[in-house]
N, C-alpha and C. Protein backbone atom coordinates (compact mmCIF):
# COMPACT_ATOMS: atom_id res chain seq x y z
N UNK A 1 37.54 173.35 -154.43
CA UNK A 1 37.31 171.97 -154.00
C UNK A 1 36.74 171.15 -155.16
N UNK A 2 37.18 169.90 -155.25
CA UNK A 2 36.64 169.03 -156.27
C UNK A 2 35.21 168.65 -155.96
N UNK A 3 34.49 168.16 -156.98
CA UNK A 3 33.09 167.80 -156.78
C UNK A 3 32.95 166.63 -155.82
N UNK A 4 33.81 165.64 -155.93
CA UNK A 4 33.71 164.46 -155.07
C UNK A 4 34.88 164.45 -154.08
N UNK A 5 34.59 164.76 -152.84
CA UNK A 5 35.62 164.76 -151.81
C UNK A 5 35.67 163.39 -151.14
N UNK A 6 36.87 162.83 -150.92
CA UNK A 6 36.96 161.52 -150.28
C UNK A 6 36.46 161.56 -148.84
N UNK A 7 35.62 160.57 -148.50
CA UNK A 7 35.11 160.43 -147.14
C UNK A 7 34.40 161.68 -146.65
N UNK A 8 33.75 162.40 -147.54
CA UNK A 8 33.12 163.67 -147.18
C UNK A 8 32.06 163.47 -146.10
N UNK A 9 31.25 162.45 -146.23
CA UNK A 9 30.18 162.23 -145.26
C UNK A 9 30.74 161.99 -143.86
N UNK A 10 31.73 161.12 -143.76
CA UNK A 10 32.32 160.83 -142.46
C UNK A 10 33.03 162.04 -141.88
N UNK A 11 33.70 162.81 -142.72
CA UNK A 11 34.39 164.02 -142.27
C UNK A 11 33.39 165.04 -141.71
N UNK A 12 32.27 165.19 -142.38
CA UNK A 12 31.24 166.12 -141.92
C UNK A 12 30.64 165.66 -140.60
N UNK A 13 30.37 164.36 -140.50
CA UNK A 13 29.79 163.82 -139.27
C UNK A 13 30.74 164.00 -138.09
N UNK A 14 32.02 163.73 -138.32
CA UNK A 14 32.99 163.87 -137.25
C UNK A 14 33.17 165.33 -136.86
N UNK A 15 33.22 166.22 -137.84
CA UNK A 15 33.35 167.65 -137.56
C UNK A 15 32.15 168.15 -136.77
N UNK A 16 30.97 167.70 -137.14
CA UNK A 16 29.75 168.12 -136.44
C UNK A 16 29.78 167.68 -134.99
N UNK A 17 30.14 166.41 -134.76
CA UNK A 17 30.15 165.90 -133.39
C UNK A 17 31.18 166.65 -132.54
N UNK A 18 32.33 166.95 -133.12
CA UNK A 18 33.36 167.69 -132.39
C UNK A 18 32.87 169.08 -132.01
N UNK A 19 32.24 169.76 -132.95
CA UNK A 19 31.73 171.11 -132.68
C UNK A 19 30.57 171.09 -131.70
N UNK A 20 29.71 170.08 -131.80
CA UNK A 20 28.60 169.96 -130.84
C UNK A 20 29.14 169.87 -129.42
N UNK A 21 30.23 169.14 -129.25
CA UNK A 21 30.81 168.97 -127.92
C UNK A 21 31.58 170.20 -127.47
N UNK A 22 32.21 170.88 -128.41
CA UNK A 22 33.00 172.06 -128.07
C UNK A 22 32.15 173.29 -127.79
N UNK A 23 31.16 173.54 -128.66
CA UNK A 23 30.39 174.78 -128.58
C UNK A 23 28.92 174.58 -128.21
N UNK A 24 28.48 173.33 -128.19
CA UNK A 24 27.07 173.07 -127.93
C UNK A 24 26.31 172.90 -129.23
N UNK A 25 25.29 172.09 -129.20
CA UNK A 25 24.52 171.79 -130.41
C UNK A 25 23.85 173.04 -130.96
N UNK A 26 23.20 173.82 -130.10
CA UNK A 26 22.44 174.98 -130.56
C UNK A 26 23.33 176.05 -131.20
N UNK A 27 24.55 176.19 -130.72
CA UNK A 27 25.43 177.26 -131.21
C UNK A 27 26.19 176.88 -132.46
N UNK A 28 26.16 175.63 -132.83
CA UNK A 28 26.91 175.17 -134.00
C UNK A 28 26.09 175.36 -135.27
N UNK A 29 26.71 175.90 -136.30
CA UNK A 29 26.03 176.14 -137.58
C UNK A 29 26.54 175.18 -138.65
N UNK A 30 25.76 175.04 -139.70
CA UNK A 30 26.17 174.20 -140.83
C UNK A 30 27.44 174.77 -141.46
N UNK A 31 27.54 176.09 -141.54
CA UNK A 31 28.74 176.71 -142.10
C UNK A 31 29.99 176.31 -141.33
N UNK A 32 29.88 176.29 -139.99
CA UNK A 32 31.02 175.91 -139.15
C UNK A 32 31.37 174.44 -139.32
N UNK A 33 30.35 173.61 -139.44
CA UNK A 33 30.60 172.18 -139.64
C UNK A 33 31.36 171.95 -140.94
N UNK A 34 30.89 172.58 -142.02
CA UNK A 34 31.54 172.41 -143.31
C UNK A 34 32.97 172.92 -143.28
N UNK A 35 33.16 174.08 -142.64
CA UNK A 35 34.51 174.65 -142.57
C UNK A 35 35.45 173.75 -141.77
N UNK A 36 34.97 173.20 -140.66
CA UNK A 36 35.82 172.32 -139.85
C UNK A 36 36.21 171.06 -140.64
N UNK A 37 35.31 170.59 -141.49
CA UNK A 37 35.60 169.40 -142.30
C UNK A 37 36.41 169.74 -143.55
N UNK A 38 36.64 171.04 -143.80
CA UNK A 38 37.37 171.44 -144.99
C UNK A 38 36.55 171.30 -146.25
N UNK A 39 35.22 171.46 -146.11
CA UNK A 39 34.30 171.31 -147.23
C UNK A 39 33.40 172.55 -147.33
N UNK A 40 32.49 172.54 -148.26
CA UNK A 40 31.58 173.66 -148.45
C UNK A 40 30.20 173.32 -147.91
N UNK A 41 29.39 174.36 -147.68
CA UNK A 41 28.01 174.12 -147.25
C UNK A 41 27.24 173.34 -148.30
N UNK A 42 27.53 173.59 -149.55
CA UNK A 42 26.86 172.86 -150.63
C UNK A 42 27.14 171.36 -150.51
N UNK A 43 28.39 171.03 -150.18
CA UNK A 43 28.72 169.62 -149.98
C UNK A 43 27.98 169.05 -148.79
N UNK A 44 27.86 169.83 -147.72
CA UNK A 44 27.12 169.38 -146.54
C UNK A 44 25.70 168.97 -146.92
N UNK A 45 25.01 169.85 -147.66
CA UNK A 45 23.61 169.57 -148.00
C UNK A 45 23.46 168.49 -149.06
N UNK A 46 24.56 168.07 -149.63
CA UNK A 46 24.50 166.93 -150.54
C UNK A 46 24.29 165.64 -149.74
N UNK A 47 24.72 165.66 -148.49
CA UNK A 47 24.65 164.46 -147.66
C UNK A 47 23.60 164.54 -146.54
N UNK A 48 23.32 165.73 -146.05
CA UNK A 48 22.41 165.90 -144.91
C UNK A 48 21.41 167.02 -145.19
N UNK A 49 20.18 166.82 -144.75
CA UNK A 49 19.16 167.84 -144.94
C UNK A 49 19.32 169.00 -143.95
N UNK A 50 19.85 168.70 -142.74
CA UNK A 50 20.08 169.73 -141.73
C UNK A 50 21.08 169.17 -140.73
N UNK A 51 21.45 169.97 -139.74
CA UNK A 51 22.47 169.50 -138.78
C UNK A 51 21.93 168.40 -137.88
N UNK A 52 20.61 168.33 -137.69
CA UNK A 52 20.03 167.23 -136.92
C UNK A 52 20.35 165.90 -137.57
N UNK A 53 20.23 165.88 -138.90
CA UNK A 53 20.35 164.62 -139.62
C UNK A 53 21.76 164.03 -139.51
N UNK A 54 22.74 164.85 -139.14
CA UNK A 54 24.09 164.33 -138.94
C UNK A 54 24.09 163.23 -137.87
N UNK A 55 23.21 163.38 -136.87
CA UNK A 55 23.14 162.43 -135.77
C UNK A 55 22.33 161.19 -136.11
N UNK A 56 21.66 161.19 -137.26
CA UNK A 56 20.79 160.08 -137.63
C UNK A 56 21.13 159.54 -139.02
N UNK A 57 22.34 159.81 -139.47
CA UNK A 57 22.72 159.47 -140.83
C UNK A 57 22.76 157.97 -141.13
N UNK A 58 22.90 157.13 -140.12
CA UNK A 58 22.99 155.69 -140.36
C UNK A 58 21.66 154.97 -140.39
N UNK A 59 20.58 155.71 -140.29
CA UNK A 59 19.25 155.08 -140.21
C UNK A 59 18.89 154.28 -141.44
N UNK A 60 19.28 154.78 -142.62
CA UNK A 60 18.94 154.08 -143.86
C UNK A 60 19.59 152.70 -143.91
N UNK A 61 20.84 152.63 -143.45
CA UNK A 61 21.54 151.34 -143.45
C UNK A 61 20.88 150.36 -142.48
N UNK A 62 20.45 150.86 -141.31
CA UNK A 62 19.77 150.00 -140.34
C UNK A 62 18.43 149.53 -140.91
N UNK A 63 17.74 150.44 -141.57
CA UNK A 63 16.44 150.11 -142.18
C UNK A 63 16.62 148.98 -143.21
N UNK A 64 17.62 149.11 -144.05
CA UNK A 64 17.85 148.09 -145.07
C UNK A 64 18.23 146.75 -144.44
N UNK A 65 19.06 146.80 -143.40
CA UNK A 65 19.52 145.55 -142.78
C UNK A 65 18.35 144.81 -142.11
N UNK A 66 17.48 145.54 -141.41
CA UNK A 66 16.39 144.87 -140.71
C UNK A 66 15.39 144.27 -141.70
N UNK A 67 15.16 144.97 -142.82
CA UNK A 67 14.23 144.47 -143.82
C UNK A 67 14.78 143.23 -144.52
N UNK A 68 16.04 143.30 -144.98
CA UNK A 68 16.62 142.18 -145.71
C UNK A 68 16.79 140.94 -144.83
N UNK A 69 17.10 141.15 -143.55
CA UNK A 69 17.30 140.00 -142.65
C UNK A 69 15.98 139.30 -142.36
N UNK A 70 14.93 140.07 -142.09
CA UNK A 70 13.62 139.46 -141.82
C UNK A 70 13.11 138.76 -143.08
N UNK A 71 13.26 139.42 -144.23
CA UNK A 71 12.79 138.84 -145.49
C UNK A 71 13.53 137.54 -145.81
N UNK A 72 14.80 137.45 -145.41
CA UNK A 72 15.60 136.27 -145.73
C UNK A 72 15.56 135.17 -144.69
N UNK A 73 14.78 135.36 -143.63
CA UNK A 73 14.69 134.32 -142.60
C UNK A 73 14.04 133.06 -143.17
N UNK A 74 14.47 131.88 -142.73
CA UNK A 74 13.88 130.63 -143.26
C UNK A 74 12.38 130.58 -143.04
N UNK A 75 11.68 129.97 -143.97
CA UNK A 75 10.24 129.81 -143.83
C UNK A 75 9.93 129.01 -142.56
N UNK A 76 8.90 129.44 -141.86
CA UNK A 76 8.52 128.77 -140.63
C UNK A 76 9.14 129.41 -139.40
N UNK A 77 10.04 130.38 -139.59
CA UNK A 77 10.64 131.06 -138.45
C UNK A 77 9.57 131.88 -137.74
N UNK A 78 9.51 131.76 -136.43
CA UNK A 78 8.53 132.53 -135.66
C UNK A 78 8.78 134.02 -135.85
N UNK A 79 7.72 134.84 -135.87
CA UNK A 79 7.88 136.28 -136.12
C UNK A 79 8.90 136.95 -135.20
N UNK A 80 8.81 136.68 -133.89
CA UNK A 80 9.75 137.33 -132.97
C UNK A 80 11.18 136.83 -133.20
N UNK A 81 11.34 135.58 -133.58
CA UNK A 81 12.67 135.05 -133.86
C UNK A 81 13.27 135.72 -135.10
N UNK A 82 12.43 135.99 -136.10
CA UNK A 82 12.91 136.68 -137.30
C UNK A 82 13.37 138.09 -136.96
N UNK A 83 12.59 138.76 -136.11
CA UNK A 83 12.97 140.11 -135.68
C UNK A 83 14.25 140.07 -134.84
N UNK A 84 14.35 139.05 -133.98
CA UNK A 84 15.55 138.91 -133.14
C UNK A 84 16.80 138.74 -134.00
N UNK A 85 16.70 137.96 -135.07
CA UNK A 85 17.84 137.78 -135.97
C UNK A 85 18.22 139.10 -136.62
N UNK A 86 17.22 139.90 -136.98
CA UNK A 86 17.49 141.20 -137.59
C UNK A 86 18.16 142.16 -136.61
N UNK A 87 17.73 142.12 -135.36
CA UNK A 87 18.36 142.98 -134.35
C UNK A 87 19.83 142.62 -134.18
N UNK A 88 20.12 141.33 -134.15
CA UNK A 88 21.50 140.89 -134.00
C UNK A 88 22.33 141.29 -135.22
N UNK A 89 21.70 141.32 -136.39
CA UNK A 89 22.40 141.72 -137.61
C UNK A 89 22.71 143.21 -137.62
N UNK A 90 21.99 143.99 -136.82
CA UNK A 90 22.23 145.43 -136.75
C UNK A 90 23.41 145.76 -135.83
N UNK A 91 23.74 144.87 -134.92
CA UNK A 91 24.78 145.15 -133.92
C UNK A 91 26.13 145.52 -134.52
N UNK A 92 26.59 144.87 -135.61
CA UNK A 92 27.91 145.22 -136.16
C UNK A 92 28.04 146.67 -136.60
N UNK A 93 26.92 147.34 -136.88
CA UNK A 93 26.99 148.75 -137.28
C UNK A 93 27.60 149.61 -136.17
N UNK A 94 27.52 149.16 -134.94
CA UNK A 94 27.97 149.97 -133.81
C UNK A 94 29.29 149.50 -133.23
N UNK A 95 29.91 148.54 -133.87
CA UNK A 95 31.20 148.02 -133.40
C UNK A 95 32.25 149.14 -133.40
N UNK A 96 32.97 149.26 -132.30
CA UNK A 96 34.02 150.28 -132.14
C UNK A 96 33.48 151.70 -132.20
N UNK A 97 32.19 151.88 -131.93
CA UNK A 97 31.61 153.23 -131.97
C UNK A 97 30.92 153.58 -130.64
N UNK A 98 31.34 152.92 -129.58
CA UNK A 98 30.68 153.14 -128.29
C UNK A 98 30.86 154.58 -127.81
N UNK A 99 32.06 155.13 -127.91
CA UNK A 99 32.30 156.49 -127.43
C UNK A 99 31.51 157.51 -128.25
N UNK A 100 31.49 157.30 -129.56
CA UNK A 100 30.69 158.18 -130.42
C UNK A 100 29.21 158.08 -130.04
N UNK A 101 28.74 156.86 -129.80
CA UNK A 101 27.34 156.65 -129.44
C UNK A 101 27.02 157.30 -128.09
N UNK A 102 27.96 157.25 -127.15
CA UNK A 102 27.74 157.89 -125.86
C UNK A 102 27.63 159.40 -126.00
N UNK A 103 28.50 159.99 -126.82
CA UNK A 103 28.43 161.43 -127.05
C UNK A 103 27.11 161.81 -127.72
N UNK A 104 26.69 160.99 -128.66
CA UNK A 104 25.42 161.24 -129.34
C UNK A 104 24.26 161.13 -128.37
N UNK A 105 24.29 160.11 -127.50
CA UNK A 105 23.21 159.91 -126.53
C UNK A 105 23.12 161.09 -125.57
N UNK A 106 24.26 161.67 -125.21
CA UNK A 106 24.25 162.83 -124.32
C UNK A 106 23.56 164.02 -124.99
N UNK A 107 23.78 164.17 -126.29
CA UNK A 107 23.13 165.26 -127.03
C UNK A 107 21.62 165.04 -127.08
N UNK A 108 21.21 163.79 -127.31
CA UNK A 108 19.78 163.48 -127.34
C UNK A 108 19.14 163.77 -125.99
N UNK A 109 19.83 163.40 -124.91
CA UNK A 109 19.28 163.61 -123.57
C UNK A 109 19.09 165.09 -123.26
N UNK A 110 19.89 165.94 -123.89
CA UNK A 110 19.85 167.37 -123.58
C UNK A 110 18.91 168.17 -124.49
N UNK A 111 18.38 167.54 -125.56
CA UNK A 111 17.56 168.27 -126.51
C UNK A 111 16.30 167.49 -126.86
N UNK A 112 15.15 168.05 -126.53
CA UNK A 112 13.87 167.36 -126.75
C UNK A 112 13.61 167.11 -128.24
N UNK A 113 14.01 168.05 -129.10
CA UNK A 113 13.75 167.88 -130.52
C UNK A 113 14.56 166.72 -131.11
N UNK A 114 15.76 166.49 -130.55
CA UNK A 114 16.56 165.35 -131.01
C UNK A 114 15.97 164.04 -130.51
N UNK A 115 15.45 164.04 -129.29
CA UNK A 115 14.80 162.83 -128.77
C UNK A 115 13.57 162.50 -129.60
N UNK A 116 12.85 163.52 -130.02
CA UNK A 116 11.67 163.30 -130.86
C UNK A 116 12.07 162.69 -132.20
N UNK A 117 13.16 163.20 -132.78
CA UNK A 117 13.63 162.65 -134.04
C UNK A 117 14.06 161.19 -133.87
N UNK A 118 14.68 160.89 -132.74
CA UNK A 118 15.10 159.51 -132.46
C UNK A 118 13.89 158.57 -132.38
N UNK A 119 12.84 159.02 -131.71
CA UNK A 119 11.63 158.19 -131.60
C UNK A 119 10.99 157.97 -132.96
N UNK A 120 11.04 158.98 -133.82
CA UNK A 120 10.50 158.84 -135.17
C UNK A 120 11.29 157.80 -135.95
N UNK A 121 12.62 157.83 -135.81
CA UNK A 121 13.46 156.86 -136.51
C UNK A 121 13.19 155.44 -136.01
N UNK A 122 13.03 155.28 -134.70
CA UNK A 122 12.75 153.95 -134.15
C UNK A 122 11.37 153.46 -134.61
N UNK A 123 10.40 154.37 -134.66
CA UNK A 123 9.07 153.99 -135.14
C UNK A 123 9.12 153.57 -136.60
N UNK A 124 9.98 154.22 -137.37
CA UNK A 124 10.13 153.86 -138.78
C UNK A 124 10.72 152.46 -138.92
N UNK A 125 11.68 152.12 -138.06
CA UNK A 125 12.25 150.77 -138.08
C UNK A 125 11.20 149.72 -137.73
N UNK A 126 10.39 150.02 -136.70
CA UNK A 126 9.33 149.09 -136.30
C UNK A 126 8.32 148.91 -137.42
N UNK A 127 7.97 150.00 -138.09
CA UNK A 127 7.02 149.92 -139.20
C UNK A 127 7.57 149.08 -140.34
N UNK A 128 8.86 149.25 -140.64
CA UNK A 128 9.49 148.48 -141.71
C UNK A 128 9.53 146.99 -141.36
N UNK A 129 9.83 146.69 -140.09
CA UNK A 129 9.87 145.30 -139.66
C UNK A 129 8.48 144.66 -139.75
N UNK A 130 7.46 145.39 -139.30
CA UNK A 130 6.10 144.86 -139.34
C UNK A 130 5.65 144.63 -140.78
N UNK A 131 5.97 145.56 -141.66
CA UNK A 131 5.58 145.43 -143.06
C UNK A 131 6.24 144.22 -143.70
N UNK A 132 7.51 143.99 -143.36
CA UNK A 132 8.22 142.83 -143.92
C UNK A 132 7.63 141.52 -143.39
N UNK A 133 7.24 141.51 -142.12
CA UNK A 133 6.60 140.32 -141.56
C UNK A 133 5.27 140.04 -142.26
N UNK A 134 4.51 141.09 -142.52
CA UNK A 134 3.22 140.90 -143.22
C UNK A 134 3.44 140.32 -144.62
N UNK A 135 4.50 140.75 -145.27
CA UNK A 135 4.81 140.21 -146.60
C UNK A 135 5.18 138.73 -146.53
N UNK A 136 5.63 138.29 -145.35
CA UNK A 136 5.95 136.87 -145.14
C UNK A 136 4.70 136.07 -144.76
N UNK A 137 3.56 136.76 -144.66
CA UNK A 137 2.32 136.07 -144.34
C UNK A 137 1.91 136.14 -142.89
N UNK A 138 2.64 136.90 -142.09
CA UNK A 138 2.28 137.05 -140.67
C UNK A 138 1.09 138.01 -140.58
N UNK A 139 0.06 137.59 -139.89
CA UNK A 139 -1.14 138.40 -139.80
C UNK A 139 -1.06 139.38 -138.63
N UNK A 140 -2.00 140.30 -138.63
CA UNK A 140 -2.10 141.25 -137.53
C UNK A 140 -2.99 140.68 -136.43
N UNK A 141 -2.76 141.03 -135.16
CA UNK A 141 -1.77 142.01 -134.70
C UNK A 141 -0.37 141.43 -134.44
N UNK A 142 -0.16 140.15 -134.81
CA UNK A 142 1.11 139.50 -134.50
C UNK A 142 2.30 140.24 -135.12
N UNK A 143 2.16 140.66 -136.38
CA UNK A 143 3.26 141.33 -137.07
C UNK A 143 3.67 142.62 -136.35
N UNK A 144 2.69 143.43 -136.01
CA UNK A 144 2.99 144.70 -135.34
C UNK A 144 3.53 144.49 -133.94
N UNK A 145 2.96 143.52 -133.22
CA UNK A 145 3.42 143.26 -131.85
C UNK A 145 4.87 142.77 -131.84
N UNK A 146 5.19 141.86 -132.75
CA UNK A 146 6.56 141.34 -132.81
C UNK A 146 7.55 142.44 -133.18
N UNK A 147 7.18 143.28 -134.14
CA UNK A 147 8.06 144.35 -134.58
C UNK A 147 8.26 145.40 -133.49
N UNK A 148 7.18 145.84 -132.88
CA UNK A 148 7.26 146.86 -131.83
C UNK A 148 8.05 146.33 -130.63
N UNK A 149 7.80 145.08 -130.25
CA UNK A 149 8.51 144.49 -129.12
C UNK A 149 10.01 144.39 -129.43
N UNK A 150 10.34 144.01 -130.67
CA UNK A 150 11.73 143.90 -131.05
C UNK A 150 12.47 145.22 -130.99
N UNK A 151 11.85 146.29 -131.49
CA UNK A 151 12.49 147.60 -131.46
C UNK A 151 12.60 148.12 -130.03
N UNK A 152 11.63 147.80 -129.19
CA UNK A 152 11.72 148.17 -127.78
C UNK A 152 12.90 147.48 -127.11
N UNK A 153 13.09 146.21 -127.44
CA UNK A 153 14.25 145.47 -126.92
C UNK A 153 15.55 146.12 -127.38
N UNK A 154 15.60 146.50 -128.65
CA UNK A 154 16.81 147.13 -129.19
C UNK A 154 17.10 148.45 -128.47
N UNK A 155 16.08 149.25 -128.23
CA UNK A 155 16.26 150.54 -127.55
C UNK A 155 16.84 150.35 -126.14
N UNK A 156 16.25 149.43 -125.40
CA UNK A 156 16.72 149.17 -124.03
C UNK A 156 18.12 148.58 -124.05
N UNK A 157 18.37 147.64 -124.97
CA UNK A 157 19.69 147.00 -125.07
C UNK A 157 20.76 148.03 -125.43
N UNK A 158 20.42 148.95 -126.31
CA UNK A 158 21.38 149.97 -126.73
C UNK A 158 21.76 150.87 -125.55
N UNK A 159 20.77 151.25 -124.75
CA UNK A 159 21.05 152.09 -123.59
C UNK A 159 21.90 151.34 -122.56
N UNK A 160 21.61 150.06 -122.37
CA UNK A 160 22.41 149.25 -121.44
C UNK A 160 23.84 149.08 -121.96
N UNK A 161 23.97 148.92 -123.25
CA UNK A 161 25.29 148.78 -123.87
C UNK A 161 26.15 150.03 -123.62
N UNK A 162 25.55 151.19 -123.72
CA UNK A 162 26.28 152.43 -123.49
C UNK A 162 26.74 152.56 -122.04
N UNK A 163 25.95 152.04 -121.11
CA UNK A 163 26.24 152.20 -119.69
C UNK A 163 27.00 151.02 -119.09
N UNK A 164 27.23 149.97 -119.87
CA UNK A 164 27.84 148.74 -119.37
C UNK A 164 29.30 148.96 -118.96
N UNK A 165 29.63 148.84 -117.67
CA UNK A 165 31.03 149.02 -117.25
C UNK A 165 31.93 147.90 -117.77
N UNK A 166 31.36 146.73 -118.07
CA UNK A 166 32.15 145.62 -118.61
C UNK A 166 32.35 145.73 -120.12
N UNK A 167 31.62 146.66 -120.74
CA UNK A 167 31.72 146.90 -122.19
C UNK A 167 31.51 145.62 -123.00
N UNK A 168 30.45 144.88 -122.64
CA UNK A 168 30.08 143.70 -123.42
C UNK A 168 29.52 144.15 -124.78
N UNK A 169 29.52 143.24 -125.73
CA UNK A 169 29.03 143.56 -127.07
C UNK A 169 27.54 143.90 -127.04
N UNK A 170 27.14 144.72 -128.01
CA UNK A 170 25.72 145.07 -128.12
C UNK A 170 24.87 143.84 -128.35
N UNK A 171 25.38 142.89 -129.13
CA UNK A 171 24.61 141.67 -129.40
C UNK A 171 24.29 140.91 -128.11
N UNK A 172 25.20 140.98 -127.13
CA UNK A 172 24.96 140.32 -125.85
C UNK A 172 23.79 140.98 -125.13
N UNK A 173 23.73 142.30 -125.16
CA UNK A 173 22.64 143.02 -124.50
C UNK A 173 21.31 142.79 -125.23
N UNK A 174 21.38 142.67 -126.54
CA UNK A 174 20.16 142.37 -127.30
C UNK A 174 19.62 141.00 -126.90
N UNK A 175 20.52 140.00 -126.78
CA UNK A 175 20.09 138.66 -126.40
C UNK A 175 19.50 138.65 -124.99
N UNK A 176 20.13 139.38 -124.07
CA UNK A 176 19.59 139.46 -122.71
C UNK A 176 18.20 140.10 -122.71
N UNK A 177 18.03 141.14 -123.51
CA UNK A 177 16.72 141.79 -123.59
C UNK A 177 15.66 140.86 -124.15
N UNK A 178 16.02 140.10 -125.18
CA UNK A 178 15.07 139.14 -125.76
C UNK A 178 14.71 138.05 -124.76
N UNK A 179 15.70 137.58 -124.01
CA UNK A 179 15.44 136.57 -122.99
C UNK A 179 14.46 137.10 -121.93
N UNK A 180 14.66 138.35 -121.53
CA UNK A 180 13.77 138.95 -120.53
C UNK A 180 12.36 139.13 -121.09
N UNK A 181 12.27 139.52 -122.36
CA UNK A 181 10.96 139.67 -122.99
C UNK A 181 10.23 138.33 -123.04
N UNK A 182 10.94 137.29 -123.43
CA UNK A 182 10.30 135.96 -123.51
C UNK A 182 9.89 135.47 -122.12
N UNK A 183 10.69 135.80 -121.10
CA UNK A 183 10.34 135.39 -119.74
C UNK A 183 9.07 136.09 -119.28
N UNK A 184 8.94 137.35 -119.65
CA UNK A 184 7.74 138.11 -119.27
C UNK A 184 6.51 137.56 -119.98
N UNK A 185 6.63 137.34 -121.30
CA UNK A 185 5.47 136.89 -122.06
C UNK A 185 5.11 135.43 -121.77
N UNK A 186 6.05 134.67 -121.20
CA UNK A 186 5.76 133.27 -120.86
C UNK A 186 4.85 133.17 -119.65
N UNK A 187 4.79 134.22 -118.84
CA UNK A 187 3.93 134.22 -117.66
C UNK A 187 2.51 134.54 -118.10
N UNK A 188 1.64 133.57 -117.99
CA UNK A 188 0.26 133.75 -118.43
C UNK A 188 -0.69 133.58 -117.27
N UNK A 189 -1.87 134.13 -117.44
CA UNK A 189 -2.91 133.99 -116.42
C UNK A 189 -2.76 135.01 -115.32
N UNK A 190 -3.84 135.26 -114.58
CA UNK A 190 -3.79 136.23 -113.50
C UNK A 190 -2.89 135.75 -112.36
N UNK A 191 -2.24 136.67 -111.73
CA UNK A 191 -1.37 136.35 -110.60
C UNK A 191 -2.22 136.25 -109.34
N UNK A 192 -2.11 135.11 -108.64
CA UNK A 192 -2.89 134.91 -107.43
C UNK A 192 -2.34 135.79 -106.32
N UNK A 193 -3.20 136.36 -105.48
CA UNK A 193 -2.71 137.19 -104.38
C UNK A 193 -1.90 136.35 -103.40
N UNK A 194 -0.88 136.95 -102.83
CA UNK A 194 -0.01 136.23 -101.89
C UNK A 194 -0.77 135.81 -100.64
N UNK A 195 -1.69 136.65 -100.18
CA UNK A 195 -2.48 136.36 -98.98
C UNK A 195 -3.94 136.51 -99.32
N UNK A 196 -4.73 135.54 -98.94
CA UNK A 196 -6.16 135.64 -99.22
C UNK A 196 -6.76 136.80 -98.46
N UNK A 197 -7.65 137.57 -99.11
CA UNK A 197 -8.25 138.71 -98.41
C UNK A 197 -9.07 138.26 -97.21
N UNK A 198 -9.01 139.04 -96.17
CA UNK A 198 -9.76 138.71 -94.95
C UNK A 198 -11.25 138.88 -95.20
N UNK A 199 -12.02 138.04 -94.56
CA UNK A 199 -13.47 138.14 -94.70
C UNK A 199 -13.96 139.42 -94.04
N UNK A 200 -14.96 140.08 -94.63
CA UNK A 200 -15.45 141.32 -94.03
C UNK A 200 -16.04 141.06 -92.64
N UNK A 201 -15.84 142.00 -91.72
CA UNK A 201 -16.38 141.79 -90.36
C UNK A 201 -17.89 141.70 -90.38
N UNK A 202 -18.43 140.83 -89.51
CA UNK A 202 -19.88 140.67 -89.43
C UNK A 202 -20.43 141.51 -88.29
N UNK A 203 -21.60 142.07 -88.53
CA UNK A 203 -22.24 142.85 -87.49
C UNK A 203 -22.82 141.92 -86.43
N UNK A 204 -22.65 142.27 -85.16
CA UNK A 204 -23.25 141.43 -84.11
C UNK A 204 -24.77 141.47 -84.19
N UNK A 205 -25.39 140.33 -83.99
CA UNK A 205 -26.85 140.26 -84.05
C UNK A 205 -27.43 140.57 -82.67
N UNK A 206 -28.50 141.33 -82.67
CA UNK A 206 -29.16 141.65 -81.41
C UNK A 206 -30.26 140.63 -81.14
N UNK A 207 -30.42 140.28 -79.89
CA UNK A 207 -31.49 139.32 -79.56
C UNK A 207 -32.86 139.94 -79.84
N UNK A 208 -33.75 139.14 -80.36
CA UNK A 208 -35.09 139.65 -80.68
C UNK A 208 -35.83 140.00 -79.39
N UNK A 209 -36.57 141.12 -79.42
CA UNK A 209 -37.36 141.55 -78.24
C UNK A 209 -38.65 140.74 -78.17
N UNK A 210 -39.01 140.37 -76.95
CA UNK A 210 -40.27 139.66 -76.76
C UNK A 210 -41.43 140.60 -76.92
N UNK A 211 -42.48 140.15 -77.62
CA UNK A 211 -43.65 140.97 -77.82
C UNK A 211 -44.46 141.07 -76.53
N UNK A 212 -45.00 142.27 -76.28
CA UNK A 212 -45.86 142.46 -75.12
C UNK A 212 -47.24 141.84 -75.37
N UNK A 213 -47.76 141.22 -74.35
CA UNK A 213 -49.08 140.61 -74.55
C UNK A 213 -50.15 141.69 -74.75
């Protein structure tokens, strides 16, 4: 095999996903993934640290997109609006990949260690977003709150996108999630009870006894 194989990364990722579905994630080895892709194990480790990372290989691109989009937002843009723009900029990464994403999500649902890795990746995105906001002069806790809220919206929107029978775009679900978040945060102050609490019952008073002479 030559040192540089064309589309090696994509071939490995596709081979891994096929084998995960055919034989199960736990039973699939790196050797089998490389062989199915027509490559060597050495080539596999040039692109991925382990077979888990095959499912998270696009994280670096998402990280770069969210950072560059927030950093490039016009001055004066509200923190949450800057994050919202970055979330929308991430949506094209998943265009025409709904079926692949569904298969990946099924693997995550079946394996706790993969779900843990997913949460770590999402936390890393939130941290990067918050750090970029701070560099724009946004103070704490606003920077962290906007970043964490934005990534939470993305997570929920992504899950809705996978389950959407109408197969609307991911950007549409992101916008709906942001609208719902803003509606929730717009409600301020304590909620008044629907019915006023009843007054506690009063004890009946006994008539005073007359004193004996």
